């Protein structure tokens, strides 16, 4: 099971190092929480359209890899 540190590392690896602490302090502890609160987080952090698309791609690209591994 992934830890909060794993989630923070994932955020940083995907280019969100300046937002990682704020996201976690806001109660988001994993990618599932991030998906559930995606729009709220984008609004709270005042993400640009480019950052929103980058974060969205990172979240959902991970899901595709999991599905590919299961097939």
C-alpha atoms as a PDB file:
ATOM      1  CA  UNK A   1       0.000   0.000   0.000  1.00  0.00           C
ATOM      2  CA  UNK A   2       1.299   3.428  -0.933  1.00  0.00           C
ATOM      3  CA  UNK A   3       2.223   5.854   1.810  1.00  0.00           C
ATOM      4  CA  UNK A   4       1.852   9.611   1.971  1.00  0.00           C
ATOM      5  CA  UNK A   5       5.573   9.855   1.226  1.00  0.00           C
ATOM      6  CA  UNK A   6       5.069   7.728  -1.902  1.00  0.00           C
ATOM      7  CA  UNK A   7       2.262  10.075  -2.950  1.00  0.00           C
ATOM      8  CA  UNK A   8       4.442  13.130  -2.300  1.00  0.00           C
ATOM      9  CA  UNK A   9       7.234  11.551  -4.361  1.00  0.00           C
ATOM     10  CA  UNK A  10       4.756  10.848  -7.161  1.00  0.00           C
ATOM     11  CA  UNK A  11       3.578  14.484  -7.136  1.00  0.00           C
ATOM     12  CA  UNK A  12       7.168  15.707  -7.265  1.00  0.00           C
ATOM     13  CA  UNK A  13       8.107  13.294 -10.063  1.00  0.00           C
ATOM     14  CA  UNK A  14       5.182  14.606 -12.090  1.00  0.00           C
ATOM     15  CA  UNK A  15       6.243  18.245 -11.752  1.00  0.00           C
ATOM     16  CA  UNK A  16       4.141  19.353  -8.789  1.00  0.00           C
ATOM     17  CA  UNK A  17       6.908  19.734  -6.222  1.00  0.00           C
ATOM     18  CA  UNK A  18       5.842  23.293  -5.365  1.00  0.00           C
ATOM     19  CA  UNK A  19       2.295  22.106  -4.614  1.00  0.00           C
ATOM     20  CA  UNK A  20       2.984  18.717  -2.990  1.00  0.00           C
ATOM     21  CA  UNK A  21       3.022  19.929   0.630  1.00  0.00           C
ATOM     22  CA  UNK A  22      -0.095  22.072   0.162  1.00  0.00           C
ATOM     23  CA  UNK A  23      -2.015  19.207  -1.429  1.00  0.00           C
ATOM     24  CA  UNK A  24      -1.089  16.823   1.392  1.00  0.00           C
ATOM     25  CA  UNK A  25      -1.746  19.414   4.117  1.00  0.00           C
ATOM     26  CA  UNK A  26      -5.188  19.876   2.547  1.00  0.00           C
ATOM     27  CA  UNK A  27      -5.999  16.256   3.361  1.00  0.00           C
ATOM     28  CA  UNK A  28      -5.252  14.668   0.001  1.00  0.00           C
ATOM     29  CA  UNK A  29      -3.207  11.564   0.766  1.00  0.00           C
ATOM     30  CA  UNK A  30      -3.337   9.520  -2.442  1.00  0.00           C
ATOM     31  CA  UNK A  31      -4.261   9.581  -6.119  1.00  0.00           C
ATOM     32  CA  UNK A  32      -7.827   8.445  -5.428  1.00  0.00           C
ATOM     33  CA  UNK A  33      -8.383  11.468  -3.149  1.00  0.00           C
ATOM     34  CA  UNK A  34      -6.777  13.625  -5.815  1.00  0.00           C
ATOM     35  CA  UNK A  35      -9.200  12.341  -8.452  1.00  0.00           C
ATOM     36  CA  UNK A  36     -12.204  12.884  -6.181  1.00  0.00           C
ATOM     37  CA  UNK A  37     -11.227  16.493  -5.399  1.00  0.00           C
ATOM     38  CA  UNK A  38      -9.502  17.293  -8.687  1.00  0.00           C
ATOM     39  CA  UNK A  39     -11.381  20.459  -9.657  1.00  0.00           C
ATOM     40  CA  UNK A  40     -11.375  21.835  -6.112  1.00  0.00           C
ATOM     41  CA  UNK A  41      -7.607  21.337  -5.891  1.00  0.00           C
ATOM     42  CA  UNK A  42      -7.011  22.986  -9.255  1.00  0.00           C
ATOM     43  CA  UNK A  43      -9.111  25.977  -8.180  1.00  0.00           C
ATOM     44  CA  UNK A  44      -7.497  26.224  -4.731  1.00  0.00           C
ATOM     45  CA  UNK A  45      -3.969  26.112  -6.142  1.00  0.00           C
ATOM     46  CA  UNK A  46      -4.845  28.493  -9.000  1.00  0.00           C
ATOM     47  CA  UNK A  47      -3.327  26.057 -11.490  1.00  0.00           C
ATOM     48  CA  UNK A  48      -2.888  27.255 -15.043  1.00  0.00           C
ATOM     49  CA  UNK A  49      -4.616  25.401 -17.860  1.00  0.00           C
ATOM     50  CA  UNK A  50      -1.263  23.818 -18.722  1.00  0.00           C
ATOM     51  CA  UNK A  51      -0.764  22.621 -15.120  1.00  0.00           C
ATOM     52  CA  UNK A  52      -4.327  21.270 -14.974  1.00  0.00           C
ATOM     53  CA  UNK A  53      -3.774  19.275 -18.169  1.00  0.00           C
ATOM     54  CA  UNK A  54      -0.408  18.012 -16.934  1.00  0.00           C
ATOM     55  CA  UNK A  55      -1.886  16.851 -13.614  1.00  0.00           C
ATOM     56  CA  UNK A  56      -4.885  15.266 -15.323  1.00  0.00           C
ATOM     57  CA  UNK A  57      -2.607  13.405 -17.733  1.00  0.00           C
ATOM     58  CA  UNK A  58      -0.428  12.140 -14.879  1.00  0.00           C
ATOM     59  CA  UNK A  59      -3.401  10.884 -12.872  1.00  0.00           C
ATOM     60  CA  UNK A  60      -5.118   9.085 -15.710  1.00  0.00           C
ATOM     61  CA  UNK A  61      -1.941   7.822 -17.424  1.00  0.00           C
ATOM     62  CA  UNK A  62      -1.267   5.838 -14.259  1.00  0.00           C
ATOM     63  CA  UNK A  63      -4.685   4.195 -14.550  1.00  0.00           C
ATOM     64  CA  UNK A  64      -4.019   3.172 -18.151  1.00  0.00           C
ATOM     65  CA  UNK A  65      -0.767   1.484 -17.158  1.00  0.00           C
ATOM     66  CA  UNK A  66      -2.554  -0.504 -14.463  1.00  0.00           C
ATOM     67  CA  UNK A  67      -5.208  -1.653 -16.929  1.00  0.00           C
ATOM     68  CA  UNK A  68      -2.538  -2.600 -19.477  1.00  0.00           C
ATOM     69  CA  UNK A  69      -0.726  -4.686 -16.859  1.00  0.00           C
ATOM     70  CA  UNK A  70      -3.937  -6.522 -15.993  1.00  0.00           C
ATOM     71  CA  UNK A  71      -4.696  -7.572 -19.583  1.00  0.00           C
END
